Amino acid sequence: MDLSQNDWMTNFKKETDSVILDVRTSAEFEDGFIENAINIDIYKGQGFIYELENLDKNKSYYVYCKAGGRSAQACSIMKELGFQNTFNLAGGIMNWEGEIIKR
């Protein structure tokens, strides 16, 4: 489900058992990410699937990428794997108005 930035973050903060998932490349992640995000690169193909399989499918996942395309694809893949609650950040980090963490 695509959510606006406001709804995406509001819903994330309301839940006690939710995860922010960044599906960009590690280089993109290093350039800046949303606080508390974990990074699993969707371009890893089968490696992406393997890493998803290690996650708790009962948690809610708030997913983002650069512009919203890869994260929408990731949400679809996650649904196919049995994840019940996946939320795509519409517009991705490019439109993010909140804090961005840089390493």
PDB file of N, CA and C in Angstrom:
ATOM      1  N   MET A   1       0.842  -1.172   0.000  1.00  0.00           N
ATOM      2  CA  MET A   1       0.000   0.000   0.000  1.00  0.00           C
ATOM      3  C   MET A   1       0.894   1.245   0.000  1.00  0.00           C
ATOM      4  N   ASP A   2       0.618   2.169  -0.911  1.00  0.00           N
ATOM      5  CA  ASP A   2       1.361   3.424  -0.959  1.00  0.00           C
ATOM      6  C   ASP A   2       0.809   4.388   0.080  1.00  0.00           C
ATOM      7  N   LEU A   3       1.708   5.006   0.825  1.00  0.00           N
ATOM      8  CA  LEU A   3       1.306   5.988   1.821  1.00  0.00           C
ATOM      9  C   LEU A   3       2.069   7.286   1.602  1.00  0.00           C
ATOM     10  N   SER A   4       1.419   8.390   1.902  1.00  0.00           N
ATOM     11  CA  SER A   4       2.110   9.676   1.871  1.00  0.00           C
ATOM     12  C   SER A   4       3.145   9.678   2.987  1.00  0.00           C
ATOM     13  N   GLN A   5       4.096  10.589   2.899  1.00  0.00           N
ATOM     14  CA  GLN A   5       5.138  10.665   3.923  1.00  0.00           C
ATOM     15  C   GLN A   5       4.539  10.815   5.317  1.00  0.00           C
ATOM     16  N   ASN A   6       3.555  11.687   5.453  1.00  0.00           N
ATOM     17  CA  ASN A   6       2.957  11.929   6.760  1.00  0.00           C
ATOM     18  C   ASN A   6       2.297  10.666   7.312  1.00  0.00           C
ATOM     19  N   ASP A   7       1.480   9.994   6.486  1.00  0.00           N
ATOM     20  CA  ASP A   7       0.809   8.769   6.941  1.00  0.00           C
ATOM     21  C   ASP A   7       1.812   7.654   7.208  1.00  0.00           C
ATOM     22  N   TRP A   8       2.828   7.555   6.359  1.00  0.00           N
ATOM     23  CA  TRP A   8       3.849   6.516   6.494  1.00  0.00           C
ATOM     24  C   TRP A   8       4.545   6.625   7.842  1.00  0.00           C
ATOM     25  N   MET A   9       5.007   7.823   8.192  1.00  0.00           N
ATOM     26  CA  MET A   9       5.738   8.006   9.452  1.00  0.00           C
ATOM     27  C   MET A   9       4.805   7.972  10.658  1.00  0.00           C
ATOM     28  N   THR A  10       3.623   8.532  10.522  1.00  0.00           N
ATOM     29  CA  THR A  10       2.660   8.510  11.628  1.00  0.00           C
ATOM     30  C   THR A  10       2.307   7.076  11.995  1.00  0.00           C
ATOM     31  N   ASN A  11       2.011   6.268  10.978  1.00  0.00           N
ATOM     32  CA  ASN A  11       1.659   4.870  11.234  1.00  0.00           C
ATOM     33  C   ASN A  11       2.847   4.093  11.797  1.00  0.00           C
ATOM     34  N   PHE A  12       4.043   4.357  11.267  1.00  0.00           N
ATOM     35  CA  PHE A  12       5.243   3.685  11.787  1.00  0.00           C
ATOM     36  C   PHE A  12       5.410   3.974  13.273  1.00  0.00           C
ATOM     37  N   LYS A  13       5.255   5.228  13.661  1.00  0.00           N
ATOM     38  CA  LYS A  13       5.461   5.616  15.062  1.00  0.00           C
ATOM     39  C   LYS A  13       4.399   5.043  15.984  1.00  0.00           C
ATOM     40  N   LYS A  14       3.205   4.782  15.468  1.00  0.00           N
ATOM     41  CA  LYS A  14       2.107   4.242  16.275  1.00  0.00           C
ATOM     42  C   LYS A  14       2.344   2.788  16.644  1.00  0.00           C
ATOM     43  N   GLU A  15       3.038   2.078  15.781  1.00  0.00           N
ATOM     44  CA  GLU A  15       3.244   0.650  15.990  1.00  0.00           C
ATOM     45  C   GLU A  15       4.495   0.389  16.818  1.00  0.00           C
ATOM     46  N   THR A  16       4.415  -0.616  17.657  1.00  0.00           N
ATOM     47  CA  THR A  16       5.571  -0.938  18.488  1.00  0.00           C
ATOM     48  C   THR A  16       6.463  -1.980  17.827  1.00  0.00           C
ATOM     49  N   ASP A  17       5.937  -2.674  16.842  1.00  0.00           N
ATOM     50  CA  ASP A  17       6.672  -3.779  16.234  1.00  0.00           C
ATOM     51  C   ASP A  17       6.796  -3.579  14.725  1.00  0.00           C
ATOM     52  N   SER A  18       7.387  -2.442  14.335  1.00  0.00           N
ATOM     53  CA  SER A  18       7.505  -2.151  12.913  1.00  0.00           C
ATOM     54  C   SER A  18       8.958  -1.876  12.546  1.00  0.00           C
ATOM     55  N   VAL A  19       9.255  -2.009  11.258  1.00  0.00           N
ATOM     56  CA  VAL A  19      10.611  -1.897  10.749  1.00  0.00           C
ATOM     57  C   VAL A  19      10.612  -0.969   9.534  1.00  0.00           C
ATOM     58  N   ILE A  20      11.612  -0.083   9.462  1.00  0.00           N
ATOM     59  CA  ILE A  20      11.817   0.714   8.258  1.00  0.00           C
ATOM     60  C   ILE A  20      12.841  -0.021   7.404  1.00  0.00           C
ATOM     61  N   LEU A  21      12.465  -0.294   6.159  1.00  0.00           N
ATOM     62  CA  LEU A  21      13.307  -1.060   5.247  1.00  0.00           C
ATOM     63  C   LEU A  21      13.670  -0.209   4.035  1.00  0.00           C
ATOM     64  N   ASP A  22      14.960  -0.003   3.842  1.00  0.00           N
ATOM     65  CA  ASP A  22      15.505   0.729   2.703  1.00  0.00           C
ATOM     66  C   ASP A  22      15.974  -0.311   1.698  1.00  0.00           C
ATOM     67  N   VAL A  23      15.414  -0.281   0.466  1.00  0.00           N
ATOM     68  CA  VAL A  23      15.756  -1.309  -0.513  1.00  0.00           C
ATOM     69  C   VAL A  23      16.708  -0.787  -1.597  1.00  0.00           C
ATOM     70  N   ARG A  24      17.356   0.344  -1.337  1.00  0.00           N
ATOM     71  CA  ARG A  24      18.335   0.897  -2.282  1.00  0.00           C
ATOM     72  C   ARG A  24      19.666   0.146  -2.167  1.00  0.00           C
ATOM     73  N   THR A  25      20.595   0.510  -3.028  1.00  0.00           N
ATOM     74  CA  THR A  25      21.929  -0.088  -2.969  1.00  0.00           C
ATOM     75  C   THR A  25      22.642   0.385  -1.703  1.00  0.00           C
ATOM     76  N   SER A  26      23.694  -0.332  -1.316  1.00  0.00           N
ATOM     77  CA  SER A  26      24.441   0.068  -0.116  1.00  0.00           C
ATOM     78  C   SER A  26      25.085   1.439  -0.318  1.00  0.00           C
ATOM     79  N   ALA A  27      25.510   1.749  -1.537  1.00  0.00           N
ATOM     80  CA  ALA A  27      26.104   3.073  -1.804  1.00  0.00           C
ATOM     81  C   ALA A  27      25.068   4.175  -1.618  1.00  0.00           C
ATOM     82  N   GLU A  28      23.852   3.961  -2.103  1.00  0.00           N
ATOM     83  CA  GLU A  28      22.781   4.945  -1.914  1.00  0.00           C
ATOM     84  C   GLU A  28      22.466   5.098  -0.434  1.00  0.00           C
ATOM     85  N   PHE A  29      22.440   3.965   0.268  1.00  0.00           N
ATOM     86  CA  PHE A  29      22.147   3.968   1.705  1.00  0.00           C
ATOM     87  C   PHE A  29      23.180   4.795   2.459  1.00  0.00           C
ATOM     88  N   GLU A  30      24.446   4.611   2.105  1.00  0.00           N
ATOM     89  CA  GLU A  30      25.527   5.338   2.777  1.00  0.00           C
ATOM     90  C   GLU A  30      25.430   6.848   2.549  1.00  0.00           C
ATOM     91  N   ASP A  31      24.846   7.254   1.435  1.00  0.00           N
ATOM     92  CA  ASP A  31      24.683   8.678   1.137  1.00  0.00           C
ATOM     93  C   ASP A  31      23.660   9.349   2.048  1.00  0.00           C
ATOM     94  N   GLY A  32      22.806   8.566   2.674  1.00  0.00           N
ATOM     95  CA  GLY A  32      21.813   9.112   3.588  1.00  0.00           C
ATOM     96  C   GLY A  32      20.593   8.217   3.651  1.00  0.00           C
ATOM     97  N   PHE A  33      20.082   8.020   4.878  1.00  0.00           N
ATOM     98  CA  PHE A  33      18.947   7.125   5.077  1.00  0.00           C
ATOM     99  C   PHE A  33      18.049   7.644   6.183  1.00  0.00           C
ATOM    100  N   ILE A  34      16.847   7.116   6.231  1.00  0.00           N
ATOM    101  CA  ILE A  34      15.888   7.481   7.267  1.00  0.00           C
ATOM    102  C   ILE A  34      16.289   6.755   8.545  1.00  0.00           C
ATOM    103  N   GLU A  35      16.245   7.464   9.650  1.00  0.00           N
ATOM    104  CA  GLU A  35      16.676   6.931  10.943  1.00  0.00           C
ATOM    105  C   GLU A  35      16.058   5.566  11.231  1.00  0.00           C
ATOM    106  N   ASN A  36      16.875   4.667  11.747  1.00  0.00           N
ATOM    107  CA  ASN A  36      16.513   3.302  12.164  1.00  0.00           C
ATOM    108  C   ASN A  36      16.262   2.344  10.996  1.00  0.00           C
ATOM    109  N   ALA A  37      16.532   2.772   9.768  1.00  0.00           N
ATOM    110  CA  ALA A  37      16.295   1.896   8.620  1.00  0.00           C
ATOM    111  C   ALA A  37      17.318   0.774   8.562  1.00  0.00           C
ATOM    112  N   ILE A  38      16.848  -0.386   8.100  1.00  0.00           N
ATOM    113  CA  ILE A  38      17.760  -1.467   7.741  1.00  0.00           C
ATOM    114  C   ILE A  38      17.834  -1.482   6.218  1.00  0.00           C
ATOM    115  N   ASN A  39      18.954  -1.910   5.691  1.00  0.00           N
ATOM    116  CA  ASN A  39      19.169  -1.863   4.244  1.00  0.00           C
ATOM    117  C   ASN A  39      19.276  -3.269   3.672  1.00  0.00           C
ATOM    118  N   ILE A  40      18.378  -3.590   2.744  1.00  0.00           N
ATOM    119  CA  ILE A  40      18.463  -4.822   1.979  1.00  0.00           C
ATOM    120  C   ILE A  40      18.257  -4.422   0.519  1.00  0.00           C
ATOM    121  N   ASP A  41      19.290  -4.545  -0.272  1.00  0.00           N
ATOM    122  CA  ASP A  41      19.302  -4.089  -1.661  1.00  0.00           C
ATOM    123  C   ASP A  41      18.456  -4.993  -2.554  1.00  0.00           C
ATOM    124  N   ILE A  42      17.410  -4.428  -3.138  1.00  0.00           N
ATOM    125  CA  ILE A  42      16.519  -5.208  -4.010  1.00  0.00           C
ATOM    126  C   ILE A  42      17.248  -5.700  -5.253  1.00  0.00           C
ATOM    127  N   TYR A  43      18.311  -5.006  -5.661  1.00  0.00           N
ATOM    128  CA  TYR A  43      19.067  -5.422  -6.847  1.00  0.00           C
ATOM    129  C   TYR A  43      19.879  -6.691  -6.617  1.00  0.00           C
ATOM    130  N   LYS A  44      19.904  -7.204  -5.398  1.00  0.00           N
ATOM    131  CA  LYS A  44      20.626  -8.451  -5.125  1.00  0.00           C
ATOM    132  C   LYS A  44      19.894  -9.666  -5.672  1.00  0.00           C
ATOM    133  N   GLY A  45      18.705  -9.467  -6.216  1.00  0.00           N
ATOM    134  CA  GLY A  45      17.951 -10.580  -6.804  1.00  0.00           C
ATOM    135  C   GLY A  45      17.600 -11.638  -5.777  1.00  0.00           C
ATOM    136  N   GLN A  46      18.087 -12.867  -6.021  1.00  0.00           N
ATOM    137  CA  GLN A  46      17.788 -13.961  -5.099  1.00  0.00           C
ATOM    138  C   GLN A  46      18.343 -13.679  -3.704  1.00  0.00           C
ATOM    139  N   GLY A  47      19.454 -12.963  -3.629  1.00  0.00           N
ATOM    140  CA  GLY A  47      20.006 -12.587  -2.327  1.00  0.00           C
ATOM    141  C   GLY A  47      19.034 -11.722  -1.538  1.00  0.00           C
ATOM    142  N   PHE A  48      18.284 -10.894  -2.236  1.00  0.00           N
ATOM    143  CA  PHE A  48      17.245 -10.065  -1.601  1.00  0.00           C
ATOM    144  C   PHE A  48      16.181 -10.969  -0.978  1.00  0.00           C
ATOM    145  N   ILE A  49      15.757 -11.972  -1.740  1.00  0.00           N
ATOM    146  CA  ILE A  49      14.752 -12.924  -1.246  1.00  0.00           C
ATOM    147  C   ILE A  49      15.275 -13.646  -0.004  1.00  0.00           C
ATOM    148  N   TYR A  50      16.527 -14.118  -0.058  1.00  0.00           N
ATOM    149  CA  TYR A  50      17.108 -14.830   1.086  1.00  0.00           C
ATOM    150  C   TYR A  50      17.103 -13.951   2.331  1.00  0.00           C
ATOM    151  N   GLU A  51      17.479 -12.694   2.168  1.00  0.00           N
ATOM    152  CA  GLU A  51      17.511 -11.796   3.329  1.00  0.00           C
ATOM    153  C   GLU A  51      16.107 -11.519   3.857  1.00  0.00           C
ATOM    154  N   LEU A  52      15.135 -11.391   2.957  1.00  0.00           N
ATOM    155  CA  LEU A  52      13.751 -11.193   3.398  1.00  0.00           C
ATOM    156  C   LEU A  52      13.265 -12.378   4.209  1.00  0.00           C
ATOM    157  N   GLU A  53      13.667 -13.578   3.795  1.00  0.00           N
ATOM    158  CA  GLU A  53      13.222 -14.794   4.486  1.00  0.00           C
ATOM    159  C   GLU A  53      13.682 -14.831   5.948  1.00  0.00           C
ATOM    160  N   ASN A  54      14.710 -14.062   6.293  1.00  0.00           N
ATOM    161  CA  ASN A  54      15.198 -14.007   7.673  1.00  0.00           C
ATOM    162  C   ASN A  54      14.429 -13.015   8.541  1.00  0.00           C
ATOM    163  N   LEU A  55      13.524 -12.250   7.926  1.00  0.00           N
ATOM    164  CA  LEU A  55      12.760 -11.253   8.674  1.00  0.00           C
ATOM    165  C   LEU A  55      11.491 -11.858   9.257  1.00  0.00           C
ATOM    166  N   ASP A  56      10.975 -11.245  10.301  1.00  0.00           N
ATOM    167  CA  ASP A  56       9.741 -11.672  10.954  1.00  0.00           C
ATOM    168  C   ASP A  56       8.547 -11.205  10.111  1.00  0.00           C
ATOM    169  N   LYS A  57       7.813 -12.139   9.543  1.00  0.00           N
ATOM    170  CA  LYS A  57       6.694 -11.800   8.659  1.00  0.00           C
ATOM    171  C   LYS A  57       5.506 -11.212   9.399  1.00  0.00           C
ATOM    172  N   ASN A  58       5.508 -11.273  10.720  1.00  0.00           N
ATOM    173  CA  ASN A  58       4.399 -10.730  11.504  1.00  0.00           C
ATOM    174  C   ASN A  58       4.555  -9.241  11.808  1.00  0.00           C
ATOM    175  N   LYS A  59       5.732  -8.697  11.558  1.00  0.00           N
ATOM    176  CA  LYS A  59       5.956  -7.269  11.797  1.00  0.00           C
ATOM    177  C   LYS A  59       5.432  -6.462  10.621  1.00  0.00           C
ATOM    178  N   SER A  60       5.286  -5.153  10.824  1.00  0.00           N
ATOM    179  CA  SER A  60       4.924  -4.243   9.747  1.00  0.00           C
ATOM    180  C   SER A  60       6.198  -3.642   9.175  1.00  0.00           C
ATOM    181  N   TYR A  61       6.261  -3.549   7.856  1.00  0.00           N
ATOM    182  CA  TYR A  61       7.447  -3.025   7.181  1.00  0.00           C
ATOM    183  C   TYR A  61       7.100  -1.760   6.406  1.00  0.00           C
ATOM    184  N   TYR A  62       7.827  -0.711   6.713  1.00  0.00           N
ATOM    185  CA  TYR A  62       7.685   0.579   6.048  1.00  0.00           C
ATOM    186  C   TYR A  62       8.869   0.691   5.096  1.00  0.00           C
ATOM    187  N   VAL A  63       8.584   0.568   3.800  1.00  0.00           N
ATOM    188  CA  VAL A  63       9.603   0.352   2.784  1.00  0.00           C
ATOM    189  C   VAL A  63       9.790   1.616   1.945  1.00  0.00           C
ATOM    190  N   TYR A  64      11.057   1.915   1.631  1.00  0.00           N
ATOM    191  CA  TYR A  64      11.315   3.051   0.755  1.00  0.00           C
ATOM    192  C   TYR A  64      12.542   2.807  -0.110  1.00  0.00           C
ATOM    193  N   CYS A  65      12.624   3.602  -1.172  1.00  0.00           N
ATOM    194  CA  CYS A  65      13.790   3.614  -2.056  1.00  0.00           C
ATOM    195  C   CYS A  65      14.010   5.070  -2.466  1.00  0.00           C
ATOM    196  N   LYS A  66      14.588   5.299  -3.608  1.00  0.00           N
ATOM    197  CA  LYS A  66      14.858   6.670  -4.036  1.00  0.00           C
ATOM    198  C   LYS A  66      13.575   7.402  -4.439  1.00  0.00           C
ATOM    199  N   ALA A  67      12.760   6.775  -5.299  1.00  0.00           N
ATOM    200  CA  ALA A  67      11.579   7.468  -5.820  1.00  0.00           C
ATOM    201  C   ALA A  67      10.260   6.719  -5.608  1.00  0.00           C
ATOM    202  N   GLY A  68      10.311   5.504  -5.096  1.00  0.00           N
ATOM    203  CA  GLY A  68       9.091   4.755  -4.808  1.00  0.00           C
ATOM    204  C   GLY A  68       8.847   3.543  -5.693  1.00  0.00           C
ATOM    205  N   GLY A  69       9.594   3.406  -6.784  1.00  0.00           N
ATOM    206  CA  GLY A  69       9.396   2.280  -7.689  1.00  0.00           C
ATOM    207  C   GLY A  69       9.921   0.961  -7.165  1.00  0.00           C
ATOM    208  N   ARG A  70      11.178   0.962  -6.749  1.00  0.00           N
ATOM    209  CA  ARG A  70      11.784  -0.275  -6.221  1.00  0.00           C
ATOM    210  C   ARG A  70      11.082  -0.716  -4.938  1.00  0.00           C
ATOM    211  N   SER A  71      10.706   0.258  -4.113  1.00  0.00           N
ATOM    212  CA  SER A  71      10.052  -0.111  -2.852  1.00  0.00           C
ATOM    213  C   SER A  71       8.655  -0.678  -3.105  1.00  0.00           C
ATOM    214  N   ALA A  72       7.950  -0.176  -4.131  1.00  0.00           N
ATOM    215  CA  ALA A  72       6.647  -0.759  -4.481  1.00  0.00           C
ATOM    216  C   ALA A  72       6.837  -2.206  -4.938  1.00  0.00           C
ATOM    217  N   GLN A  73       7.887  -2.436  -5.743  1.00  0.00           N
ATOM    218  CA  GLN A  73       8.206  -3.788  -6.196  1.00  0.00           C
ATOM    219  C   GLN A  73       8.558  -4.674  -4.996  1.00  0.00           C
ATOM    220  N   ALA A  74       9.335  -4.136  -4.059  1.00  0.00           N
ATOM    221  CA  ALA A  74       9.713  -4.896  -2.862  1.00  0.00           C
ATOM    222  C   ALA A  74       8.477  -5.274  -2.055  1.00  0.00           C
ATOM    223  N   CYS A  75       7.532  -4.359  -1.921  1.00  0.00           N
ATOM    224  CA  CYS A  75       6.297  -4.661  -1.179  1.00  0.00           C
ATOM    225  C   CYS A  75       5.540  -5.810  -1.842  1.00  0.00           C
ATOM    226  N   SER A  76       5.499  -5.816  -3.183  1.00  0.00           N
ATOM    227  CA  SER A  76       4.828  -6.908  -3.910  1.00  0.00           C
ATOM    228  C   SER A  76       5.518  -8.240  -3.655  1.00  0.00           C
ATOM    229  N   ILE A  77       6.836  -8.240  -3.730  1.00  0.00           N
ATOM    230  CA  ILE A  77       7.608  -9.462  -3.467  1.00  0.00           C
ATOM    231  C   ILE A  77       7.355  -9.940  -2.034  1.00  0.00           C
ATOM    232  N   MET A  78       7.368  -9.016  -1.107  1.00  0.00           N
ATOM    233  CA  MET A  78       7.153  -9.368   0.302  1.00  0.00           C
ATOM    234  C   MET A  78       5.768  -9.975   0.510  1.00  0.00           C
ATOM    235  N   LYS A  79       4.760  -9.426  -0.141  1.00  0.00           N
ATOM    236  CA  LYS A  79       3.399  -9.986  -0.041  1.00  0.00           C
ATOM    237  C   LYS A  79       3.391 -11.427  -0.546  1.00  0.00           C
ATOM    238  N   GLU A  80       4.071 -11.665  -1.676  1.00  0.00           N
ATOM    239  CA  GLU A  80       4.146 -13.022  -2.232  1.00  0.00           C
ATOM    240  C   GLU A  80       4.824 -13.984  -1.267  1.00  0.00           C
ATOM    241  N   LEU A  81       5.747 -13.475  -0.469  1.00  0.00           N
ATOM    242  CA  LEU A  81       6.464 -14.312   0.493  1.00  0.00           C
ATOM    243  C   LEU A  81       5.712 -14.471   1.815  1.00  0.00           C
ATOM    244  N   GLY A  82       4.556 -13.834   1.940  1.00  0.00           N
ATOM    245  CA  GLY A  82       3.737 -14.016   3.135  1.00  0.00           C
ATOM    246  C   GLY A  82       3.771 -12.882   4.133  1.00  0.00           C
ATOM    247  N   PHE A  83       4.411 -11.778   3.799  1.00  0.00           N
ATOM    248  CA  PHE A  83       4.384 -10.611   4.695  1.00  0.00           C
ATOM    249  C   PHE A  83       2.999  -9.975   4.594  1.00  0.00           C
ATOM    250  N   GLN A  84       2.392  -9.715   5.741  1.00  0.00           N
ATOM    251  CA  GLN A  84       1.026  -9.195   5.745  1.00  0.00           C
ATOM    252  C   GLN A  84       0.956  -7.670   5.660  1.00  0.00           C
ATOM    253  N   ASN A  85       1.915  -6.993   6.267  1.00  0.00           N
ATOM    254  CA  ASN A  85       1.832  -5.543   6.387  1.00  0.00           C
ATOM    255  C   ASN A  85       3.068  -4.864   5.816  1.00  0.00           C
ATOM    256  N   THR A  86       2.947  -4.417   4.563  1.00  0.00           N
ATOM    257  CA  THR A  86       4.033  -3.683   3.921  1.00  0.00           C
ATOM    258  C   THR A  86       3.473  -2.359   3.414  1.00  0.00           C
ATOM    259  N   PHE A  87       4.217  -1.289   3.640  1.00  0.00           N
ATOM    260  CA  PHE A  87       3.755   0.048   3.283  1.00  0.00           C
ATOM    261  C   PHE A  87       4.850   0.780   2.520  1.00  0.00           C
ATOM    262  N   ASN A  88       4.521   1.211   1.316  1.00  0.00           N
ATOM    263  CA  ASN A  88       5.469   1.882   0.445  1.00  0.00           C
ATOM    264  C   ASN A  88       5.419   3.395   0.674  1.00  0.00           C
ATOM    265  N   LEU A  89       6.592   4.001   0.774  1.00  0.00           N
ATOM    266  CA  LEU A  89       6.678   5.455   0.898  1.00  0.00           C
ATOM    267  C   LEU A  89       6.530   6.068  -0.488  1.00  0.00           C
ATOM    268  N   ALA A  90       5.384   6.663  -0.762  1.00  0.00           N
ATOM    269  CA  ALA A  90       5.132   7.291  -2.061  1.00  0.00           C
ATOM    270  C   ALA A  90       6.146   8.418  -2.288  1.00  0.00           C
ATOM    271  N   GLY A  91       6.793   8.387  -3.447  1.00  0.00           N
ATOM    272  CA  GLY A  91       7.774   9.424  -3.768  1.00  0.00           C
ATOM    273  C   GLY A  91       9.169   9.142  -3.269  1.00  0.00           C
ATOM    274  N   GLY A  92       9.312   8.138  -2.415  1.00  0.00           N
ATOM    275  CA  GLY A  92      10.622   7.740  -1.916  1.00  0.00           C
ATOM    276  C   GLY A  92      11.354   8.805  -1.118  1.00  0.00           C
ATOM    277  N   ILE A  93      12.646   8.546  -0.894  1.00  0.00           N
ATOM    278  CA  ILE A  93      13.458   9.440  -0.067  1.00  0.00           C
ATOM    279  C   ILE A  93      13.715  10.781  -0.775  1.00  0.00           C
ATOM    280  N   MET A  94      13.542  10.813  -2.105  1.00  0.00           N
ATOM    281  CA  MET A  94      13.726  12.072  -2.840  1.00  0.00           C
ATOM    282  C   MET A  94      12.772  13.151  -2.341  1.00  0.00           C
ATOM    283  N   ASN A  95      11.576  12.735  -1.918  1.00  0.00           N
ATOM    284  CA  ASN A  95      10.572  13.688  -1.440  1.00  0.00           C
ATOM    285  C   ASN A  95      10.496  13.751   0.082  1.00  0.00           C
ATOM    286  N   TRP A  96      11.387  13.063   0.746  1.00  0.00           N
ATOM    287  CA  TRP A  96      11.387  12.992   2.212  1.00  0.00           C
ATOM    288  C   TRP A  96      11.707  14.360   2.806  1.00  0.00           C
ATOM    289  N   GLU A  97      10.894  14.808   3.720  1.00  0.00           N
ATOM    290  CA  GLU A  97      11.095  16.101   4.358  1.00  0.00           C
ATOM    291  C   GLU A  97      11.621  15.979   5.780  1.00  0.00           C
ATOM    292  N   GLY A  98      11.721  14.730   6.260  1.00  0.00           N
ATOM    293  CA  GLY A  98      12.230  14.497   7.605  1.00  0.00           C
ATOM    294  C   GLY A  98      13.754  14.429   7.619  1.00  0.00           C
ATOM    295  N   GLU A  99      14.271  14.043   8.764  1.00  0.00           N
ATOM    296  CA  GLU A  99      15.723  13.955   8.935  1.00  0.00           C
ATOM    297  C   GLU A  99      16.301  12.801   8.111  1.00  0.00           C
ATOM    298  N   ILE A 100      17.477  13.032   7.566  1.00  0.00           N
ATOM    299  CA  ILE A 100      18.223  11.988   6.856  1.00  0.00           C
ATOM    300  C   ILE A 100      19.561  11.806   7.562  1.00  0.00           C
ATOM    301  N   ILE A 101      19.873  10.581   7.920  1.00  0.00           N
ATOM    302  CA  ILE A 101      21.107  10.244   8.616  1.00  0.00           C
ATOM    303  C   ILE A 101      22.194   9.986   7.578  1.00  0.00           C
ATOM    304  N   LYS A 102      23.353  10.562   7.803  1.00  0.00           N
ATOM    305  CA  LYS A 102      24.493  10.321   6.904  1.00  0.00           C
ATOM    306  C   LYS A 102      25.622   9.712   7.715  1.00  0.00           C
ATOM    307  N   ARG A 103      26.315   8.758   7.109  1.00  0.00           N
ATOM    308  CA  ARG A 103      27.422   8.099   7.809  1.00  0.00           C
ATOM    309  C   ARG A 103      28.717   8.765   7.460  1.00  0.00           C
TER     310      ARG A 103
END
